[in-house]
């Protein structure tokens, strides 16, 4: 789970913390190399190229909610 932010709404009050599998991980958006966009602001400026959509995993996933 990506805590404390993205999956916070899916967990209950009791969390048991174990060792980390990965250190210094991040969550973000990615575009193919051929796209000359390097920020979310740029992405919005060129939304017509993407039909105004960000394609991701399941719409109910916490990362998609955070993207909204």
PDB file of N, CA and C in Angstrom:
ATOM      1  N   UNK A   1       0.833  -1.197   0.000  1.00  0.00           N
ATOM      2  CA  UNK A   1       0.000   0.000   0.000  1.00  0.00           C
ATOM      3  C   UNK A   1       0.865   1.243   0.000  1.00  0.00           C
ATOM      4  N   UNK A   2       0.390   2.243  -0.636  1.00  0.00           N
ATOM      5  CA  UNK A   2       1.098   3.514  -0.677  1.00  0.00           C
ATOM      6  C   UNK A   2       0.522   4.418   0.395  1.00  0.00           C
ATOM      7  N   UNK A   3       1.185   4.430   1.510  1.00  0.00           N
ATOM      8  CA  UNK A   3       0.748   5.261   2.627  1.00  0.00           C
ATOM      9  C   UNK A   3       1.789   6.348   2.869  1.00  0.00           C
ATOM     10  N   UNK A   4       1.428   7.407   3.453  1.00  0.00           N
ATOM     11  CA  UNK A   4       0.150   7.677   4.100  1.00  0.00           C
ATOM     12  C   UNK A   4      -0.890   8.327   3.194  1.00  0.00           C
ATOM     13  N   UNK A   5      -0.539   8.690   1.979  1.00  0.00           N
ATOM     14  CA  UNK A   5      -1.466   9.503   1.204  1.00  0.00           C
ATOM     15  C   UNK A   5      -2.404   8.731   0.288  1.00  0.00           C
ATOM     16  N   UNK A   6      -1.909   7.991  -0.671  1.00  0.00           N
ATOM     17  CA  UNK A   6      -2.796   7.472  -1.708  1.00  0.00           C
ATOM     18  C   UNK A   6      -3.778   6.404  -1.249  1.00  0.00           C
ATOM     19  N   UNK A   7      -3.374   5.485  -0.397  1.00  0.00           N
ATOM     20  CA  UNK A   7      -4.287   4.418   0.011  1.00  0.00           C
ATOM     21  C   UNK A   7      -4.890   4.626   1.396  1.00  0.00           C
ATOM     22  N   UNK A   8      -4.722   5.809   1.944  1.00  0.00           N
ATOM     23  CA  UNK A   8      -5.225   6.094   3.284  1.00  0.00           C
ATOM     24  C   UNK A   8      -6.728   5.824   3.404  1.00  0.00           C
ATOM     25  N   UNK A   9      -7.494   6.157   2.380  1.00  0.00           N
ATOM     26  CA  UNK A   9      -8.947   5.984   2.459  1.00  0.00           C
ATOM     27  C   UNK A   9      -9.376   4.520   2.441  1.00  0.00           C
ATOM     28  N   UNK A  10      -8.474   3.611   2.086  1.00  0.00           N
ATOM     29  CA  UNK A  10      -8.818   2.201   2.008  1.00  0.00           C
ATOM     30  C   UNK A  10      -8.441   1.392   3.248  1.00  0.00           C
ATOM     31  N   UNK A  11      -7.715   1.989   4.149  1.00  0.00           N
ATOM     32  CA  UNK A  11      -7.260   1.225   5.302  1.00  0.00           C
ATOM     33  C   UNK A  11      -8.049   1.588   6.545  1.00  0.00           C
ATOM     34  N   UNK A  12      -8.069   0.658   7.465  1.00  0.00           N
ATOM     35  CA  UNK A  12      -8.760   0.909   8.722  1.00  0.00           C
ATOM     36  C   UNK A  12      -7.821   1.635   9.676  1.00  0.00           C
ATOM     37  N   UNK A  13      -8.306   1.905  10.870  1.00  0.00           N
ATOM     38  CA  UNK A  13      -7.534   2.657  11.854  1.00  0.00           C
ATOM     39  C   UNK A  13      -6.282   1.928  12.335  1.00  0.00           C
ATOM     40  N   UNK A  14      -6.289   0.616  12.252  1.00  0.00           N
ATOM     41  CA  UNK A  14      -5.149  -0.150  12.766  1.00  0.00           C
ATOM     42  C   UNK A  14      -4.244  -0.581  11.610  1.00  0.00           C
ATOM     43  N   UNK A  15      -3.028  -0.119  11.660  1.00  0.00           N
ATOM     44  CA  UNK A  15      -2.045  -0.466  10.645  1.00  0.00           C
ATOM     45  C   UNK A  15      -0.839  -1.070  11.347  1.00  0.00           C
ATOM     46  N   UNK A  16      -0.398  -2.200  10.863  1.00  0.00           N
ATOM     47  CA  UNK A  16       0.810  -2.827  11.392  1.00  0.00           C
ATOM     48  C   UNK A  16       1.915  -2.528  10.397  1.00  0.00           C
ATOM     49  N   UNK A  17       2.934  -1.825  10.847  1.00  0.00           N
ATOM     50  CA  UNK A  17       4.024  -1.451   9.956  1.00  0.00           C
ATOM     51  C   UNK A  17       5.121  -2.510   9.996  1.00  0.00           C
ATOM     52  N   UNK A  18       5.537  -2.955   8.830  1.00  0.00           N
ATOM     53  CA  UNK A  18       6.620  -3.918   8.682  1.00  0.00           C
ATOM     54  C   UNK A  18       7.780  -3.232   7.973  1.00  0.00           C
ATOM     55  N   UNK A  19       8.822  -3.988   7.717  1.00  0.00           N
ATOM     56  CA  UNK A  19       9.970  -3.391   7.038  1.00  0.00           C
ATOM     57  C   UNK A  19       9.593  -2.937   5.627  1.00  0.00           C
ATOM     58  N   UNK A  20      10.317  -1.959   5.135  1.00  0.00           N
ATOM     59  CA  UNK A  20      10.065  -1.432   3.784  1.00  0.00           C
ATOM     60  C   UNK A  20      10.646  -2.376   2.741  1.00  0.00           C
ATOM     61  N   UNK A  21       9.917  -2.579   1.661  1.00  0.00           N
ATOM     62  CA  UNK A  21      10.432  -3.362   0.547  1.00  0.00           C
ATOM     63  C   UNK A  21      11.275  -2.487  -0.370  1.00  0.00           C
ATOM     64  N   UNK A  22      10.845  -1.238  -0.518  1.00  0.00           N
ATOM     65  CA  UNK A  22      11.536  -0.297  -1.390  1.00  0.00           C
ATOM     66  C   UNK A  22      11.712   1.008  -0.638  1.00  0.00           C
ATOM     67  N   UNK A  23      12.817   1.659  -0.843  1.00  0.00           N
ATOM     68  CA  UNK A  23      13.084   2.953  -0.218  1.00  0.00           C
ATOM     69  C   UNK A  23      12.983   4.057  -1.267  1.00  0.00           C
ATOM     70  N   UNK A  24      12.588   5.236  -0.837  1.00  0.00           N
ATOM     71  CA  UNK A  24      12.569   6.424  -1.697  1.00  0.00           C
ATOM     72  C   UNK A  24      11.776   6.237  -2.985  1.00  0.00           C
ATOM     73  N   UNK A  25      10.612   5.630  -2.898  1.00  0.00           N
ATOM     74  CA  UNK A  25       9.774   5.459  -4.073  1.00  0.00           C
ATOM     75  C   UNK A  25       8.867   6.666  -4.242  1.00  0.00           C
ATOM     76  N   UNK A  26       8.401   6.879  -5.452  1.00  0.00           N
ATOM     77  CA  UNK A  26       7.485   7.973  -5.734  1.00  0.00           C
ATOM     78  C   UNK A  26       6.350   7.472  -6.616  1.00  0.00           C
ATOM     79  N   UNK A  27       5.324   8.260  -6.681  1.00  0.00           N
ATOM     80  CA  UNK A  27       4.197   7.992  -7.562  1.00  0.00           C
ATOM     81  C   UNK A  27       4.062   9.198  -8.464  1.00  0.00           C
ATOM     82  N   UNK A  28       3.829   8.967  -9.727  1.00  0.00           N
ATOM     83  CA  UNK A  28       3.702  10.111 -10.622  1.00  0.00           C
ATOM     84  C   UNK A  28       3.079   9.713 -11.940  1.00  0.00           C
ATOM     85  N   UNK A  29       3.030  10.667 -12.828  1.00  0.00           N
ATOM     86  CA  UNK A  29       2.518  10.441 -14.174  1.00  0.00           C
ATOM     87  C   UNK A  29       3.698  10.269 -15.116  1.00  0.00           C
ATOM     88  N   UNK A  30       3.488   9.521 -16.185  1.00  0.00           N
ATOM     89  CA  UNK A  30       4.540   9.317 -17.171  1.00  0.00           C
ATOM     90  C   UNK A  30       3.961   9.487 -18.566  1.00  0.00           C
ATOM     91  N   UNK A  31       4.781   9.960 -19.455  1.00  0.00           N
ATOM     92  CA  UNK A  31       4.406  10.067 -20.864  1.00  0.00           C
ATOM     93  C   UNK A  31       5.507   9.406 -21.688  1.00  0.00           C
ATOM     94  N   UNK A  32       5.188   8.948 -22.896  1.00  0.00           N
ATOM     95  CA  UNK A  32       6.225   8.334 -23.739  1.00  0.00           C
ATOM     96  C   UNK A  32       7.332   9.335 -24.075  1.00  0.00           C
ATOM     97  N   UNK A  33       8.521   8.830 -24.409  1.00  0.00           N
ATOM     98  CA  UNK A  33       9.659   9.687 -24.734  1.00  0.00           C
ATOM     99  C   UNK A  33       9.380  10.639 -25.889  1.00  0.00           C
ATOM    100  N   UNK A  34       8.543  10.222 -26.842  1.00  0.00           N
ATOM    101  CA  UNK A  34       8.298  11.070 -28.008  1.00  0.00           C
ATOM    102  C   UNK A  34       7.412  12.279 -27.695  1.00  0.00           C
ATOM    103  N   UNK A  35       6.864  12.352 -26.496  1.00  0.00           N
ATOM    104  CA  UNK A  35       6.020  13.480 -26.092  1.00  0.00           C
ATOM    105  C   UNK A  35       6.903  14.515 -25.409  1.00  0.00           C
ATOM    106  N   UNK A  36       6.868  15.742 -25.886  1.00  0.00           N
ATOM    107  CA  UNK A  36       7.715  16.810 -25.347  1.00  0.00           C
ATOM    108  C   UNK A  36       6.989  17.555 -24.223  1.00  0.00           C
ATOM    109  N   UNK A  37       6.650  16.824 -23.182  1.00  0.00           N
ATOM    110  CA  UNK A  37       5.930  17.374 -22.039  1.00  0.00           C
ATOM    111  C   UNK A  37       6.640  16.900 -20.785  1.00  0.00           C
ATOM    112  N   UNK A  38       6.926  17.828 -19.867  1.00  0.00           N
ATOM    113  CA  UNK A  38       7.633  17.420 -18.661  1.00  0.00           C
ATOM    114  C   UNK A  38       7.003  17.933 -17.374  1.00  0.00           C
ATOM    115  N   UNK A  39       5.727  18.344 -17.451  1.00  0.00           N
ATOM    116  CA  UNK A  39       5.028  18.754 -16.235  1.00  0.00           C
ATOM    117  C   UNK A  39       3.527  18.570 -16.436  1.00  0.00           C
ATOM    118  N   UNK A  40       2.806  18.508 -15.335  1.00  0.00           N
ATOM    119  CA  UNK A  40       1.355  18.381 -15.422  1.00  0.00           C
ATOM    120  C   UNK A  40       0.757  19.613 -16.091  1.00  0.00           C
ATOM    121  N   UNK A  41       1.313  20.792 -15.816  1.00  0.00           N
ATOM    122  CA  UNK A  41       0.825  22.018 -16.469  1.00  0.00           C
ATOM    123  C   UNK A  41       0.957  21.907 -17.983  1.00  0.00           C
ATOM    124  N   UNK A  42       2.081  21.386 -18.470  1.00  0.00           N
ATOM    125  CA  UNK A  42       2.256  21.182 -19.912  1.00  0.00           C
ATOM    126  C   UNK A  42       1.259  20.171 -20.450  1.00  0.00           C
ATOM    127  N   UNK A  43       1.002  19.133 -19.682  1.00  0.00           N
ATOM    128  CA  UNK A  43       0.051  18.112 -20.101  1.00  0.00           C
ATOM    129  C   UNK A  43      -1.321  18.734 -20.314  1.00  0.00           C
ATOM    130  N   UNK A  44      -1.745  19.569 -19.403  1.00  0.00           N
ATOM    131  CA  UNK A  44      -3.037  20.224 -19.525  1.00  0.00           C
ATOM    132  C   UNK A  44      -3.078  21.171 -20.729  1.00  0.00           C
ATOM    133  N   UNK A  45      -1.962  21.822 -21.021  1.00  0.00           N
ATOM    134  CA  UNK A  45      -1.897  22.723 -22.177  1.00  0.00           C
ATOM    135  C   UNK A  45      -2.053  21.987 -23.503  1.00  0.00           C
ATOM    136  N   UNK A  46      -1.775  20.702 -23.525  1.00  0.00           N
ATOM    137  CA  UNK A  46      -1.842  19.897 -24.745  1.00  0.00           C
ATOM    138  C   UNK A  46      -2.888  18.786 -24.634  1.00  0.00           C
ATOM    139  N   UNK A  47      -3.924  19.017 -23.851  1.00  0.00           N
ATOM    140  CA  UNK A  47      -4.896  17.956 -23.596  1.00  0.00           C
ATOM    141  C   UNK A  47      -5.601  17.454 -24.848  1.00  0.00           C
ATOM    142  N   UNK A  48      -5.669  18.285 -25.898  1.00  0.00           N
ATOM    143  CA  UNK A  48      -6.324  17.846 -27.132  1.00  0.00           C
ATOM    144  C   UNK A  48      -5.565  16.683 -27.774  1.00  0.00           C
ATOM    145  N   UNK A  49      -4.252  16.597 -27.554  1.00  0.00           N
ATOM    146  CA  UNK A  49      -3.462  15.490 -28.090  1.00  0.00           C
ATOM    147  C   UNK A  49      -3.843  14.154 -27.449  1.00  0.00           C
ATOM    148  N   UNK A  50      -4.442  14.223 -26.267  1.00  0.00           N
ATOM    149  CA  UNK A  50      -4.773  13.022 -25.498  1.00  0.00           C
ATOM    150  C   UNK A  50      -6.275  12.875 -25.269  1.00  0.00           C
ATOM    151  N   UNK A  51      -7.044  13.565 -26.093  1.00  0.00           N
ATOM    152  CA  UNK A  51      -8.505  13.536 -25.962  1.00  0.00           C
ATOM    153  C   UNK A  51      -8.957  13.937 -24.569  1.00  0.00           C
ATOM    154  N   UNK A  52      -8.175  14.787 -23.904  1.00  0.00           N
ATOM    155  CA  UNK A  52      -8.526  15.260 -22.573  1.00  0.00           C
ATOM    156  C   UNK A  52      -8.516  14.181 -21.505  1.00  0.00           C
ATOM    157  N   UNK A  53      -7.807  13.087 -21.753  1.00  0.00           N
ATOM    158  CA  UNK A  53      -7.836  11.953 -20.830  1.00  0.00           C
ATOM    159  C   UNK A  53      -6.457  11.592 -20.312  1.00  0.00           C
ATOM    160  N   UNK A  54      -6.431  11.117 -19.098  1.00  0.00           N
ATOM    161  CA  UNK A  54      -5.255  10.458 -18.543  1.00  0.00           C
ATOM    162  C   UNK A  54      -5.650   8.995 -18.384  1.00  0.00           C
ATOM    163  N   UNK A  55      -4.922   8.126 -19.025  1.00  0.00           N
ATOM    164  CA  UNK A  55      -5.231   6.698 -18.984  1.00  0.00           C
ATOM    165  C   UNK A  55      -4.403   6.060 -17.882  1.00  0.00           C
ATOM    166  N   UNK A  56      -5.085   5.328 -17.022  1.00  0.00           N
ATOM    167  CA  UNK A  56      -4.385   4.703 -15.913  1.00  0.00           C
ATOM    168  C   UNK A  56      -5.023   3.390 -15.546  1.00  0.00           C
ATOM    169  N   UNK A  57      -4.776   2.976 -14.333  1.00  0.00           N
ATOM    170  CA  UNK A  57      -5.352   1.730 -13.844  1.00  0.00           C
ATOM    171  C   UNK A  57      -6.807   1.967 -13.432  1.00  0.00           C
ATOM    172  N   UNK A  58      -7.399   1.036 -12.799  1.00  0.00           N
ATOM    173  CA  UNK A  58      -8.804   1.072 -12.401  1.00  0.00           C
ATOM    174  C   UNK A  58      -9.228   2.451 -11.887  1.00  0.00           C
ATOM    175  N   UNK A  59     -10.341   3.009 -12.383  1.00  0.00           N
ATOM    176  CA  UNK A  59     -10.777   4.340 -11.954  1.00  0.00           C
ATOM    177  C   UNK A  59     -10.977   4.479 -10.444  1.00  0.00           C
ATOM    178  N   UNK A  60     -11.244   3.398  -9.737  1.00  0.00           N
ATOM    179  CA  UNK A  60     -11.435   3.460  -8.297  1.00  0.00           C
ATOM    180  C   UNK A  60     -10.136   3.394  -7.506  1.00  0.00           C
ATOM    181  N   UNK A  61      -9.021   3.200  -8.204  1.00  0.00           N
ATOM    182  CA  UNK A  61      -7.726   3.098  -7.525  1.00  0.00           C
ATOM    183  C   UNK A  61      -7.347   4.443  -6.915  1.00  0.00           C
ATOM    184  N   UNK A  62      -6.696   4.382  -5.795  1.00  0.00           N
ATOM    185  CA  UNK A  62      -6.346   5.611  -5.073  1.00  0.00           C
ATOM    186  C   UNK A  62      -5.458   6.540  -5.893  1.00  0.00           C
ATOM    187  N   UNK A  63      -4.560   6.004  -6.698  1.00  0.00           N
ATOM    188  CA  UNK A  63      -3.694   6.866  -7.501  1.00  0.00           C
ATOM    189  C   UNK A  63      -4.505   7.641  -8.545  1.00  0.00           C
ATOM    190  N   UNK A  64      -5.551   7.045  -9.067  1.00  0.00           N
ATOM    191  CA  UNK A  64      -6.402   7.759 -10.029  1.00  0.00           C
ATOM    192  C   UNK A  64      -7.201   8.849  -9.322  1.00  0.00           C
ATOM    193  N   UNK A  65      -7.647   8.594  -8.097  1.00  0.00           N
ATOM    194  CA  UNK A  65      -8.337   9.638  -7.331  1.00  0.00           C
ATOM    195  C   UNK A  65      -7.397  10.793  -7.040  1.00  0.00           C
ATOM    196  N   UNK A  66      -6.143  10.480  -6.708  1.00  0.00           N
ATOM    197  CA  UNK A  66      -5.165  11.527  -6.430  1.00  0.00           C
ATOM    198  C   UNK A  66      -4.870  12.343  -7.676  1.00  0.00           C
ATOM    199  N   UNK A  67      -4.887  11.710  -8.835  1.00  0.00           N
ATOM    200  CA  UNK A  67      -4.624  12.403 -10.087  1.00  0.00           C
ATOM    201  C   UNK A  67      -5.712  13.417 -10.397  1.00  0.00           C
ATOM    202  N   UNK A  68      -6.944  13.069 -10.046  1.00  0.00           N
ATOM    203  CA  UNK A  68      -8.043  14.017 -10.282  1.00  0.00           C
ATOM    204  C   UNK A  68      -7.799  15.307  -9.530  1.00  0.00           C
TER     205      UNK A  68
END
